Amino acid sequence: MEQRAVLYPPDRAIELASNVSGLIPVRLFALLYPLWLVEIDAHEETRRPYALIEQFIERGIQEAHLRSVQEMVDFFGLSTSLVTKVLHFLATIQHIQQVDGRWILTERGEQSLLQ
């Protein structure tokens, strides 16, 4: 017969029950509670509304196939510095990435356009 580790000694339970006034221990029942050790790993994405200009830049990359800063400047009529800042921000939040000098949407960027 297999010996199990006792989580709470029966003698201790009887002693504590005896010390309570008006109680007289008559029987001792063993209860086995299922104890589980579970490791949880999670990734939570926080969503926030972002500026309309960022959404237009993403749509330009997706729908108009704009791949360079100059193409976006020409298409939207914005300054080079503004487009560069927006692209840097979108790359920081992993919505876009640069591959061979061309801007493309990541999976996260595509998902954000669907919402």
PDB file of N, CA and C in Angstrom:
ATOM      1  N   MET A   1       0.837  -1.179   0.000  1.00  0.00           N
ATOM      2  CA  MET A   1       0.000   0.000   0.000  1.00  0.00           C
ATOM      3  C   MET A   1       0.885   1.247   0.000  1.00  0.00           C
ATOM      4  N   GLU A   2       0.509   2.201  -0.796  1.00  0.00           N
ATOM      5  CA  GLU A   2       1.317   3.409  -0.986  1.00  0.00           C
ATOM      6  C   GLU A   2       1.121   4.391   0.169  1.00  0.00           C
ATOM      7  N   GLN A   3       2.218   4.915   0.688  1.00  0.00           N
ATOM      8  CA  GLN A   3       2.157   5.915   1.760  1.00  0.00           C
ATOM      9  C   GLN A   3       2.019   7.295   1.149  1.00  0.00           C
ATOM     10  N   ARG A   4       1.060   8.060   1.625  1.00  0.00           N
ATOM     11  CA  ARG A   4       0.875   9.432   1.144  1.00  0.00           C
ATOM     12  C   ARG A   4       1.384  10.402   2.181  1.00  0.00           C
ATOM     13  N   ALA A   5       1.889  11.506   1.715  1.00  0.00           N
ATOM     14  CA  ALA A   5       2.335  12.557   2.626  1.00  0.00           C
ATOM     15  C   ALA A   5       1.110  13.181   3.280  1.00  0.00           C
ATOM     16  N   VAL A   6       1.153  13.333   4.582  1.00  0.00           N
ATOM     17  CA  VAL A   6       0.029  13.889   5.319  1.00  0.00           C
ATOM     18  C   VAL A   6       0.160  15.407   5.308  1.00  0.00           C
ATOM     19  N   LEU A   7      -0.885  16.062   4.778  1.00  0.00           N
ATOM     20  CA  LEU A   7      -0.867  17.512   4.731  1.00  0.00           C
ATOM     21  C   LEU A   7      -1.177  18.124   6.088  1.00  0.00           C
ATOM     22  N   TYR A   8      -2.075  17.467   6.820  1.00  0.00           N
ATOM     23  CA  TYR A   8      -2.467  17.964   8.136  1.00  0.00           C
ATOM     24  C   TYR A   8      -2.587  16.752   9.054  1.00  0.00           C
ATOM     25  N   PRO A   9      -1.770  16.640  10.087  1.00  0.00           N
ATOM     26  CA  PRO A   9      -1.771  15.432  10.923  1.00  0.00           C
ATOM     27  C   PRO A   9      -3.107  15.243  11.651  1.00  0.00           C
ATOM     28  N   PRO A  10      -3.653  14.022  11.644  1.00  0.00           N
ATOM     29  CA  PRO A  10      -4.932  13.765  12.329  1.00  0.00           C
ATOM     30  C   PRO A  10      -4.890  14.078  13.827  1.00  0.00           C
ATOM     31  N   ASP A  11      -3.757  13.803  14.466  1.00  0.00           N
ATOM     32  CA  ASP A  11      -3.640  14.089  15.906  1.00  0.00           C
ATOM     33  C   ASP A  11      -3.843  15.571  16.191  1.00  0.00           C
ATOM     34  N   ARG A  12      -3.301  16.373  15.333  1.00  0.00           N
ATOM     35  CA  ARG A  12      -3.428  17.836  15.488  1.00  0.00           C
ATOM     36  C   ARG A  12      -4.885  18.268  15.315  1.00  0.00           C
ATOM     37  N   ALA A  13      -5.602  17.667  14.368  1.00  0.00           N
ATOM     38  CA  ALA A  13      -7.010  17.993  14.144  1.00  0.00           C
ATOM     39  C   ALA A  13      -7.846  17.624  15.359  1.00  0.00           C
ATOM     40  N   ILE A  14      -7.595  16.446  15.946  1.00  0.00           N
ATOM     41  CA  ILE A  14      -8.339  16.025  17.139  1.00  0.00           C
ATOM     42  C   ILE A  14      -8.042  16.940  18.312  1.00  0.00           C
ATOM     43  N   GLU A  15      -6.794  17.309  18.470  1.00  0.00           N
ATOM     44  CA  GLU A  15      -6.394  18.211  19.562  1.00  0.00           C
ATOM     45  C   GLU A  15      -7.100  19.561  19.445  1.00  0.00           C
ATOM     46  N   LEU A  16      -7.125  20.122  18.243  1.00  0.00           N
ATOM     47  CA  LEU A  16      -7.785  21.409  18.056  1.00  0.00           C
ATOM     48  C   LEU A  16      -9.289  21.318  18.287  1.00  0.00           C
ATOM     49  N   ALA A  17      -9.915  20.223  17.815  1.00  0.00           N
ATOM     50  CA  ALA A  17     -11.351  20.044  18.021  1.00  0.00           C
ATOM     51  C   ALA A  17     -11.670  19.862  19.500  1.00  0.00           C
ATOM     52  N   SER A  18     -10.803  19.204  20.258  1.00  0.00           N
ATOM     53  CA  SER A  18     -11.015  18.983  21.693  1.00  0.00           C
ATOM     54  C   SER A  18     -10.949  20.280  22.482  1.00  0.00           C
ATOM     55  N   ASN A  19     -10.176  21.227  22.003  1.00  0.00           N
ATOM     56  CA  ASN A  19     -10.003  22.488  22.712  1.00  0.00           C
ATOM     57  C   ASN A  19     -11.185  23.442  22.533  1.00  0.00           C
ATOM     58  N   VAL A  20     -12.043  23.159  21.574  1.00  0.00           N
ATOM     59  CA  VAL A  20     -13.217  23.998  21.363  1.00  0.00           C
ATOM     60  C   VAL A  20     -14.281  23.557  22.361  1.00  0.00           C
ATOM     61  N   SER A  21     -14.784  24.500  23.177  1.00  0.00           N
ATOM     62  CA  SER A  21     -15.750  24.141  24.224  1.00  0.00           C
ATOM     63  C   SER A  21     -17.054  23.626  23.606  1.00  0.00           C
ATOM     64  N   GLY A  22     -17.536  22.548  24.185  1.00  0.00           N
ATOM     65  CA  GLY A  22     -18.786  21.970  23.737  1.00  0.00           C
ATOM     66  C   GLY A  22     -18.638  20.944  22.631  1.00  0.00           C
ATOM     67  N   LEU A  23     -17.450  20.729  22.123  1.00  0.00           N
ATOM     68  CA  LEU A  23     -17.245  19.744  21.066  1.00  0.00           C
ATOM     69  C   LEU A  23     -16.518  18.526  21.616  1.00  0.00           C
ATOM     70  N   ILE A  24     -17.003  17.369  21.214  1.00  0.00           N
ATOM     71  CA  ILE A  24     -16.336  16.126  21.568  1.00  0.00           C
ATOM     72  C   ILE A  24     -16.113  15.362  20.270  1.00  0.00           C
ATOM     73  N   PRO A  25     -14.839  15.184  19.859  1.00  0.00           N
ATOM     74  CA  PRO A  25     -14.576  14.451  18.621  1.00  0.00           C
ATOM     75  C   PRO A  25     -15.022  12.994  18.733  1.00  0.00           C
ATOM     76  N   VAL A  26     -15.784  12.536  17.738  1.00  0.00           N
ATOM     77  CA  VAL A  26     -16.292  11.174  17.726  1.00  0.00           C
ATOM     78  C   VAL A  26     -15.648  10.372  16.601  1.00  0.00           C
ATOM     79  N   ARG A  27     -15.568  10.958  15.408  1.00  0.00           N
ATOM     80  CA  ARG A  27     -14.999  10.277  14.257  1.00  0.00           C
ATOM     81  C   ARG A  27     -14.017  11.205  13.554  1.00  0.00           C
ATOM     82  N   LEU A  28     -13.134  10.592  12.822  1.00  0.00           N
ATOM     83  CA  LEU A  28     -12.191  11.348  12.009  1.00  0.00           C
ATOM     84  C   LEU A  28     -12.336  10.858  10.571  1.00  0.00           C
ATOM     85  N   PHE A  29     -12.665  11.779   9.683  1.00  0.00           N
ATOM     86  CA  PHE A  29     -12.808  11.455   8.262  1.00  0.00           C
ATOM     87  C   PHE A  29     -11.659  12.102   7.497  1.00  0.00           C
ATOM     88  N   ALA A  30     -11.058  11.317   6.656  1.00  0.00           N
ATOM     89  CA  ALA A  30      -9.992  11.851   5.810  1.00  0.00           C
ATOM     90  C   ALA A  30     -10.610  12.417   4.534  1.00  0.00           C
ATOM     91  N   LEU A  31     -10.297  13.623   4.223  1.00  0.00           N
ATOM     92  CA  LEU A  31     -10.757  14.253   2.989  1.00  0.00           C
ATOM     93  C   LEU A  31      -9.553  14.504   2.106  1.00  0.00           C
ATOM     94  N   LEU A  32      -9.687  14.115   0.897  1.00  0.00           N
ATOM     95  CA  LEU A  32      -8.602  14.347  -0.060  1.00  0.00           C
ATOM     96  C   LEU A  32      -9.049  15.406  -1.048  1.00  0.00           C
ATOM     97  N   TYR A  33      -8.398  16.521  -1.024  1.00  0.00           N
ATOM     98  CA  TYR A  33      -8.694  17.608  -1.951  1.00  0.00           C
ATOM     99  C   TYR A  33      -7.716  17.542  -3.111  1.00  0.00           C
ATOM    100  N   PRO A  34      -8.221  17.670  -4.312  1.00  0.00           N
ATOM    101  CA  PRO A  34      -7.268  17.672  -5.444  1.00  0.00           C
ATOM    102  C   PRO A  34      -6.479  18.987  -5.460  1.00  0.00           C
ATOM    103  N   LEU A  35      -5.208  18.856  -5.368  1.00  0.00           N
ATOM    104  CA  LEU A  35      -4.325  20.026  -5.432  1.00  0.00           C
ATOM    105  C   LEU A  35      -3.567  19.953  -6.745  1.00  0.00           C
ATOM    106  N   TRP A  36      -3.547  21.069  -7.452  1.00  0.00           N
ATOM    107  CA  TRP A  36      -2.906  21.107  -8.753  1.00  0.00           C
ATOM    108  C   TRP A  36      -1.860  22.204  -8.771  1.00  0.00           C
ATOM    109  N   LEU A  37      -0.773  21.905  -9.409  1.00  0.00           N
ATOM    110  CA  LEU A  37       0.242  22.908  -9.658  1.00  0.00           C
ATOM    111  C   LEU A  37       0.140  23.255 -11.134  1.00  0.00           C
ATOM    112  N   VAL A  38      -0.238  24.477 -11.409  1.00  0.00           N
ATOM    113  CA  VAL A  38      -0.476  24.888 -12.787  1.00  0.00           C
ATOM    114  C   VAL A  38       0.376  26.106 -13.088  1.00  0.00           C
ATOM    115  N   GLU A  39       1.052  26.051 -14.196  1.00  0.00           N
ATOM    116  CA  GLU A  39       1.833  27.202 -14.643  1.00  0.00           C
ATOM    117  C   GLU A  39       1.079  27.861 -15.785  1.00  0.00           C
ATOM    118  N   ILE A  40       0.895  29.164 -15.672  1.00  0.00           N
ATOM    119  CA  ILE A  40       0.128  29.897 -16.676  1.00  0.00           C
ATOM    120  C   ILE A  40       1.037  30.935 -17.318  1.00  0.00           C
ATOM    121  N   ASP A  41       0.975  30.969 -18.622  1.00  0.00           N
ATOM    122  CA  ASP A  41       1.715  31.963 -19.381  1.00  0.00           C
ATOM    123  C   ASP A  41       0.718  32.653 -20.294  1.00  0.00           C
ATOM    124  N   ALA A  42       0.691  33.976 -20.239  1.00  0.00           N
ATOM    125  CA  ALA A  42      -0.307  34.701 -21.024  1.00  0.00           C
ATOM    126  C   ALA A  42       0.326  35.921 -21.667  1.00  0.00           C
ATOM    127  N   HIS A  43      -0.297  36.342 -22.728  1.00  0.00           N
ATOM    128  CA  HIS A  43       0.111  37.559 -23.415  1.00  0.00           C
ATOM    129  C   HIS A  43      -1.140  38.405 -23.609  1.00  0.00           C
ATOM    130  N   GLU A  44      -1.104  39.584 -23.060  1.00  0.00           N
ATOM    131  CA  GLU A  44      -2.271  40.459 -23.157  1.00  0.00           C
ATOM    132  C   GLU A  44      -1.926  41.651 -24.029  1.00  0.00           C
ATOM    133  N   GLU A  45      -2.773  41.895 -24.991  1.00  0.00           N
ATOM    134  CA  GLU A  45      -2.575  43.047 -25.855  1.00  0.00           C
ATOM    135  C   GLU A  45      -3.549  44.132 -25.437  1.00  0.00           C
ATOM    136  N   THR A  46      -3.000  45.295 -25.156  1.00  0.00           N
ATOM    137  CA  THR A  46      -3.871  46.408 -24.820  1.00  0.00           C
ATOM    138  C   THR A  46      -4.142  47.198 -26.085  1.00  0.00           C
ATOM    139  N   ARG A  47      -5.359  47.571 -26.233  1.00  0.00           N
ATOM    140  CA  ARG A  47      -5.739  48.321 -27.426  1.00  0.00           C
ATOM    141  C   ARG A  47      -6.012  49.752 -27.027  1.00  0.00           C
ATOM    142  N   ARG A  48      -5.667  50.627 -27.901  1.00  0.00           N
ATOM    143  CA  ARG A  48      -5.959  52.029 -27.670  1.00  0.00           C
ATOM    144  C   ARG A  48      -6.298  52.654 -29.007  1.00  0.00           C
ATOM    145  N   PRO A  49      -7.179  53.616 -29.003  1.00  0.00           N
ATOM    146  CA  PRO A  49      -7.435  54.304 -30.271  1.00  0.00           C
ATOM    147  C   PRO A  49      -6.200  55.123 -30.654  1.00  0.00           C
ATOM    148  N   TYR A  50      -5.859  55.108 -31.899  1.00  0.00           N
ATOM    149  CA  TYR A  50      -4.727  55.913 -32.306  1.00  0.00           C
ATOM    150  C   TYR A  50      -5.165  56.901 -33.371  1.00  0.00           C
ATOM    151  N   ALA A  51      -4.300  57.844 -33.642  1.00  0.00           N
ATOM    152  CA  ALA A  51      -4.650  58.986 -34.477  1.00  0.00           C
ATOM    153  C   ALA A  51      -5.068  58.555 -35.884  1.00  0.00           C
ATOM    154  N   LEU A  52      -5.905  59.351 -36.467  1.00  0.00           N
ATOM    155  CA  LEU A  52      -6.421  59.078 -37.801  1.00  0.00           C
ATOM    156  C   LEU A  52      -5.285  59.024 -38.829  1.00  0.00           C
ATOM    157  N   ILE A  53      -4.274  59.855 -38.642  1.00  0.00           N
ATOM    158  CA  ILE A  53      -3.152  59.875 -39.595  1.00  0.00           C
ATOM    159  C   ILE A  53      -2.436  58.523 -39.618  1.00  0.00           C
ATOM    160  N   GLU A  54      -2.321  57.896 -38.451  1.00  0.00           N
ATOM    161  CA  GLU A  54      -1.671  56.591 -38.376  1.00  0.00           C
ATOM    162  C   GLU A  54      -2.495  55.541 -39.120  1.00  0.00           C
ATOM    163  N   GLN A  55      -3.801  55.643 -38.981  1.00  0.00           N
ATOM    164  CA  GLN A  55      -4.679  54.715 -39.686  1.00  0.00           C
ATOM    165  C   GLN A  55      -4.580  54.908 -41.204  1.00  0.00           C
ATOM    166  N   PHE A  56      -4.507  56.166 -41.646  1.00  0.00           N
ATOM    167  CA  PHE A  56      -4.377  56.422 -43.080  1.00  0.00           C
ATOM    168  C   PHE A  56      -3.044  55.907 -43.628  1.00  0.00           C
ATOM    169  N   ILE A  57      -1.983  56.058 -42.856  1.00  0.00           N
ATOM    170  CA  ILE A  57      -0.676  55.547 -43.297  1.00  0.00           C
ATOM    171  C   ILE A  57      -0.749  54.024 -43.456  1.00  0.00           C
ATOM    172  N   GLU A  58      -1.350  53.355 -42.463  1.00  0.00           N
ATOM    173  CA  GLU A  58      -1.491  51.902 -42.564  1.00  0.00           C
ATOM    174  C   GLU A  58      -2.337  51.509 -43.775  1.00  0.00           C
ATOM    175  N   ARG A  59      -3.426  52.209 -43.991  1.00  0.00           N
ATOM    176  CA  ARG A  59      -4.270  51.913 -45.156  1.00  0.00           C
ATOM    177  C   ARG A  59      -3.523  52.186 -46.453  1.00  0.00           C
ATOM    178  N   GLY A  60      -2.698  53.240 -46.469  1.00  0.00           N
ATOM    179  CA  GLY A  60      -1.904  53.534 -47.660  1.00  0.00           C
ATOM    180  C   GLY A  60      -0.935  52.407 -47.984  1.00  0.00           C
ATOM    181  N   ILE A  61      -0.338  51.846 -46.924  1.00  0.00           N
ATOM    182  CA  ILE A  61       0.577  50.723 -47.127  1.00  0.00           C
ATOM    183  C   ILE A  61      -0.197  49.500 -47.614  1.00  0.00           C
ATOM    184  N   GLN A  62      -1.346  49.256 -47.013  1.00  0.00           N
ATOM    185  CA  GLN A  62      -2.139  48.072 -47.343  1.00  0.00           C
ATOM    186  C   GLN A  62      -2.838  48.191 -48.702  1.00  0.00           C
ATOM    187  N   GLU A  63      -3.575  49.277 -48.899  1.00  0.00           N
ATOM    188  CA  GLU A  63      -4.455  49.359 -50.061  1.00  0.00           C
ATOM    189  C   GLU A  63      -3.812  50.029 -51.280  1.00  0.00           C
ATOM    190  N   ALA A  64      -2.975  51.058 -51.050  1.00  0.00           N
ATOM    191  CA  ALA A  64      -2.365  51.774 -52.174  1.00  0.00           C
ATOM    192  C   ALA A  64      -0.950  51.282 -52.468  1.00  0.00           C
ATOM    193  N   HIS A  65      -0.479  50.315 -51.660  1.00  0.00           N
ATOM    194  CA  HIS A  65       0.860  49.732 -51.835  1.00  0.00           C
ATOM    195  C   HIS A  65       1.951  50.800 -51.803  1.00  0.00           C
ATOM    196  N   LEU A  66       1.796  51.771 -50.894  1.00  0.00           N
ATOM    197  CA  LEU A  66       2.832  52.783 -50.683  1.00  0.00           C
ATOM    198  C   LEU A  66       3.928  52.130 -49.850  1.00  0.00           C
ATOM    199  N   ARG A  67       5.141  52.172 -50.328  1.00  0.00           N
ATOM    200  CA  ARG A  67       6.215  51.452 -49.655  1.00  0.00           C
ATOM    201  C   ARG A  67       7.353  52.346 -49.165  1.00  0.00           C
ATOM    202  N   SER A  68       7.456  53.566 -49.650  1.00  0.00           N
ATOM    203  CA  SER A  68       8.556  54.434 -49.222  1.00  0.00           C
ATOM    204  C   SER A  68       7.999  55.710 -48.609  1.00  0.00           C
ATOM    205  N   VAL A  69       8.848  56.398 -47.890  1.00  0.00           N
ATOM    206  CA  VAL A  69       8.457  57.674 -47.277  1.00  0.00           C
ATOM    207  C   VAL A  69       8.049  58.661 -48.363  1.00  0.00           C
ATOM    208  N   GLN A  70       8.812  58.725 -49.431  1.00  0.00           N
ATOM    209  CA  GLN A  70       8.518  59.685 -50.502  1.00  0.00           C
ATOM    210  C   GLN A  70       7.170  59.398 -51.160  1.00  0.00           C
ATOM    211  N   GLU A  71       6.859  58.129 -51.379  1.00  0.00           N
ATOM    212  CA  GLU A  71       5.554  57.781 -51.947  1.00  0.00           C
ATOM    213  C   GLU A  71       4.418  58.243 -51.036  1.00  0.00           C
ATOM    214  N   MET A  72       4.590  58.101 -49.720  1.00  0.00           N
ATOM    215  CA  MET A  72       3.560  58.520 -48.765  1.00  0.00           C
ATOM    216  C   MET A  72       3.451  60.030 -48.703  1.00  0.00           C
ATOM    217  N   VAL A  73       4.594  60.716 -48.762  1.00  0.00           N
ATOM    218  CA  VAL A  73       4.598  62.187 -48.764  1.00  0.00           C
ATOM    219  C   VAL A  73       3.849  62.700 -49.988  1.00  0.00           C
ATOM    220  N   ASP A  74       4.141  62.132 -51.139  1.00  0.00           N
ATOM    221  CA  ASP A  74       3.480  62.552 -52.380  1.00  0.00           C
ATOM    222  C   ASP A  74       1.982  62.233 -52.365  1.00  0.00           C
ATOM    223  N   PHE A  75       1.648  61.057 -51.895  1.00  0.00           N
ATOM    224  CA  PHE A  75       0.260  60.615 -51.922  1.00  0.00           C
ATOM    225  C   PHE A  75      -0.613  61.416 -50.947  1.00  0.00           C
ATOM    226  N   PHE A  76      -0.137  61.587 -49.709  1.00  0.00           N
ATOM    227  CA  PHE A  76      -0.934  62.247 -48.679  1.00  0.00           C
ATOM    228  C   PHE A  76      -0.731  63.753 -48.626  1.00  0.00           C
ATOM    229  N   GLY A  77       0.330  64.258 -49.242  1.00  0.00           N
ATOM    230  CA  GLY A  77       0.620  65.686 -49.189  1.00  0.00           C
ATOM    231  C   GLY A  77       1.076  66.138 -47.817  1.00  0.00           C
ATOM    232  N   LEU A  78       1.774  65.276 -47.111  1.00  0.00           N
ATOM    233  CA  LEU A  78       2.274  65.582 -45.765  1.00  0.00           C
ATOM    234  C   LEU A  78       3.759  65.873 -45.816  1.00  0.00           C
ATOM    235  N   SER A  79       4.283  66.404 -44.717  1.00  0.00           N
ATOM    236  CA  SER A  79       5.720  66.663 -44.654  1.00  0.00           C
ATOM    237  C   SER A  79       6.479  65.359 -44.419  1.00  0.00           C
ATOM    238  N   THR A  80       7.712  65.344 -44.876  1.00  0.00           N
ATOM    239  CA  THR A  80       8.557  64.164 -44.714  1.00  0.00           C
ATOM    240  C   THR A  80       8.769  63.840 -43.243  1.00  0.00           C
ATOM    241  N   SER A  81       8.965  64.866 -42.417  1.00  0.00           N
ATOM    242  CA  SER A  81       9.216  64.625 -40.992  1.00  0.00           C
ATOM    243  C   SER A  81       7.996  64.005 -40.310  1.00  0.00           C
ATOM    244  N   LEU A  82       6.779  64.441 -40.672  1.00  0.00           N
ATOM    245  CA  LEU A  82       5.576  63.875 -40.075  1.00  0.00           C
ATOM    246  C   LEU A  82       5.406  62.410 -40.475  1.00  0.00           C
ATOM    247  N   VAL A  83       5.584  62.111 -41.743  1.00  0.00           N
ATOM    248  CA  VAL A  83       5.461  60.722 -42.205  1.00  0.00           C
ATOM    249  C   VAL A  83       6.506  59.851 -41.521  1.00  0.00           C
ATOM    250  N   THR A  84       7.720  60.346 -41.384  1.00  0.00           N
ATOM    251  CA  THR A  84       8.793  59.594 -40.733  1.00  0.00           C
ATOM    252  C   THR A  84       8.447  59.318 -39.276  1.00  0.00           C
ATOM    253  N   LYS A  85       7.905  60.316 -38.569  1.00  0.00           N
ATOM    254  CA  LYS A  85       7.521  60.119 -37.165  1.00  0.00           C
ATOM    255  C   LYS A  85       6.409  59.088 -37.031  1.00  0.00           C
ATOM    256  N   VAL A  86       5.424  59.163 -37.915  1.00  0.00           N
ATOM    257  CA  VAL A  86       4.309  58.204 -37.864  1.00  0.00           C
ATOM    258  C   VAL A  86       4.814  56.799 -38.164  1.00  0.00           C
ATOM    259  N   LEU A  87       5.681  56.654 -39.156  1.00  0.00           N
ATOM    260  CA  LEU A  87       6.233  55.342 -39.482  1.00  0.00           C
ATOM    261  C   LEU A  87       7.047  54.781 -38.318  1.00  0.00           C
ATOM    262  N   HIS A  88       7.819  55.648 -37.668  1.00  0.00           N
ATOM    263  CA  HIS A  88       8.611  55.207 -36.516  1.00  0.00           C
ATOM    264  C   HIS A  88       7.687  54.723 -35.397  1.00  0.00           C
ATOM    265  N   PHE A  89       6.608  55.461 -35.141  1.00  0.00           N
ATOM    266  CA  PHE A  89       5.663  55.053 -34.108  1.00  0.00           C
ATOM    267  C   PHE A  89       5.012  53.718 -34.462  1.00  0.00           C
ATOM    268  N   LEU A  90       4.550  53.580 -35.690  1.00  0.00           N
ATOM    269  CA  LEU A  90       3.901  52.332 -36.113  1.00  0.00           C
ATOM    270  C   LEU A  90       4.866  51.146 -36.047  1.00  0.00           C
ATOM    271  N   ALA A  91       6.129  51.392 -36.338  1.00  0.00           N
ATOM    272  CA  ALA A  91       7.127  50.324 -36.226  1.00  0.00           C
ATOM    273  C   ALA A  91       7.361  49.970 -34.757  1.00  0.00           C
ATOM    274  N   THR A  92       7.316  50.977 -33.877  1.00  0.00           N
ATOM    275  CA  THR A  92       7.513  50.739 -32.446  1.00  0.00           C
ATOM    276  C   THR A  92       6.406  49.866 -31.871  1.00  0.00           C
ATOM    277  N   ILE A  93       5.174  50.078 -32.297  1.00  0.00           N
ATOM    278  CA  ILE A  93       4.068  49.256 -31.792  1.00  0.00           C
ATOM    279  C   ILE A  93       3.848  48.012 -32.652  1.00  0.00           C
ATOM    280  N   GLN A  94       4.800  47.734 -33.520  1.00  0.00           N
ATOM    281  CA  GLN A  94       4.858  46.517 -34.343  1.00  0.00           C
ATOM    282  C   GLN A  94       3.676  46.370 -35.297  1.00  0.00           C
ATOM    283  N   HIS A  95       3.223  47.484 -35.856  1.00  0.00           N
ATOM    284  CA  HIS A  95       2.188  47.431 -36.883  1.00  0.00           C
ATOM    285  C   HIS A  95       2.796  47.362 -38.279  1.00  0.00           C
ATOM    286  N   ILE A  96       4.010  47.884 -38.422  1.00  0.00           N
ATOM    287  CA  ILE A  96       4.702  47.845 -39.704  1.00  0.00           C
ATOM    288  C   ILE A  96       6.152  47.447 -39.477  1.00  0.00           C
ATOM    289  N   GLN A  97       6.793  47.048 -40.545  1.00  0.00           N
ATOM    290  CA  GLN A  97       8.231  46.777 -40.487  1.00  0.00           C
ATOM    291  C   GLN A  97       8.842  47.112 -41.834  1.00  0.00           C
ATOM    292  N   GLN A  98      10.126  47.341 -41.811  1.00  0.00           N
ATOM    293  CA  GLN A  98      10.827  47.692 -43.040  1.00  0.00           C
ATOM    294  C   GLN A  98      11.609  46.471 -43.522  1.00  0.00           C
ATOM    295  N   VAL A  99      11.351  46.079 -44.771  1.00  0.00           N
ATOM    296  CA  VAL A  99      12.033  44.944 -45.383  1.00  0.00           C
ATOM    297  C   VAL A  99      12.635  45.431 -46.692  1.00  0.00           C
ATOM    298  N   ASP A 100      13.947  45.335 -46.770  1.00  0.00           N
ATOM    299  CA  ASP A 100      14.675  45.796 -47.965  1.00  0.00           C
ATOM    300  C   ASP A 100      14.352  47.246 -48.307  1.00  0.00           C
ATOM    301  N   GLY A 101      14.228  48.079 -47.271  1.00  0.00           N
ATOM    302  CA  GLY A 101      13.973  49.506 -47.480  1.00  0.00           C
ATOM    303  C   GLY A 101      12.530  49.841 -47.834  1.00  0.00           C
ATOM    304  N   ARG A 102      11.643  48.865 -47.804  1.00  0.00           N
ATOM    305  CA  ARG A 102      10.226  49.069 -48.141  1.00  0.00           C
ATOM    306  C   ARG A 102       9.379  48.787 -46.904  1.00  0.00           C
ATOM    307  N   TRP A 103       8.383  49.616 -46.674  1.00  0.00           N
ATOM    308  CA  TRP A 103       7.503  49.444 -45.523  1.00  0.00           C
ATOM    309  C   TRP A 103       6.384  48.459 -45.859  1.00  0.00           C
ATOM    310  N   ILE A 104       6.168  47.498 -44.953  1.00  0.00           N
ATOM    311  CA  ILE A 104       5.070  46.542 -45.104  1.00  0.00           C
ATOM    312  C   ILE A 104       4.339  46.416 -43.765  1.00  0.00           C
ATOM    313  N   LEU A 105       3.093  45.991 -43.839  1.00  0.00           N
ATOM    314  CA  LEU A 105       2.314  45.757 -42.627  1.00  0.00           C
ATOM    315  C   LEU A 105       2.685  44.420 -42.010  1.00  0.00           C
ATOM    316  N   THR A 106       2.687  44.379 -40.699  1.00  0.00           N
ATOM    317  CA  THR A 106       2.852  43.115 -39.986  1.00  0.00           C
ATOM    318  C   THR A 106       1.473  42.498 -39.799  1.00  0.00           C
ATOM    319  N   GLU A 107       1.432  41.329 -39.238  1.00  0.00           N
ATOM    320  CA  GLU A 107       0.143  40.677 -38.954  1.00  0.00           C
ATOM    321  C   GLU A 107      -0.679  41.522 -37.986  1.00  0.00           C
ATOM    322  N   ARG A 108      -0.009  42.096 -36.995  1.00  0.00           N
ATOM    323  CA  ARG A 108      -0.711  42.958 -36.040  1.00  0.00           C
ATOM    324  C   ARG A 108      -1.293  44.198 -36.735  1.00  0.00           C
ATOM    325  N   GLY A 109      -0.560  44.760 -37.666  1.00  0.00           N
ATOM    326  CA  GLY A 109      -1.063  45.907 -38.414  1.00  0.00           C
ATOM    327  C   GLY A 109      -2.267  45.549 -39.260  1.00  0.00           C
ATOM    328  N   GLU A 110      -2.227  44.374 -39.872  1.00  0.00           N
ATOM    329  CA  GLU A 110      -3.379  43.921 -40.665  1.00  0.00           C
ATOM    330  C   GLU A 110      -4.595  43.708 -39.784  1.00  0.00           C
ATOM    331  N   GLN A 111      -4.394  43.164 -38.599  1.00  0.00           N
ATOM    332  CA  GLN A 111      -5.497  42.957 -37.668  1.00  0.00           C
ATOM    333  C   GLN A 111      -6.090  44.279 -37.210  1.00  0.00           C
ATOM    334  N   SER A 112      -5.238  45.274 -37.000  1.00  0.00           N
ATOM    335  CA  SER A 112      -5.757  46.567 -36.543  1.00  0.00           C
ATOM    336  C   SER A 112      -6.601  47.237 -37.617  1.00  0.00           C
ATOM    337  N   LEU A 113      -6.297  46.998 -38.870  1.00  0.00           N
ATOM    338  CA  LEU A 113      -7.106  47.581 -39.949  1.00  0.00           C
ATOM    339  C   LEU A 113      -8.465  46.897 -40.074  1.00  0.00           C
ATOM    340  N   LEU A 114      -8.551  45.643 -39.675  1.00  0.00           N
ATOM    341  CA  LEU A 114      -9.815  44.917 -39.758  1.00  0.00           C
ATOM    342  C   LEU A 114     -10.809  45.355 -38.696  1.00  0.00           C
ATOM    343  N   GLN A 115     -10.327  45.961 -37.639  1.00  0.00           N
ATOM    344  CA  GLN A 115     -11.221  46.348 -36.529  1.00  0.00           C
ATOM    345  C   GLN A 115     -11.794  47.709 -36.710  1.00  0.00           C
TER     346      GLN A 115
END
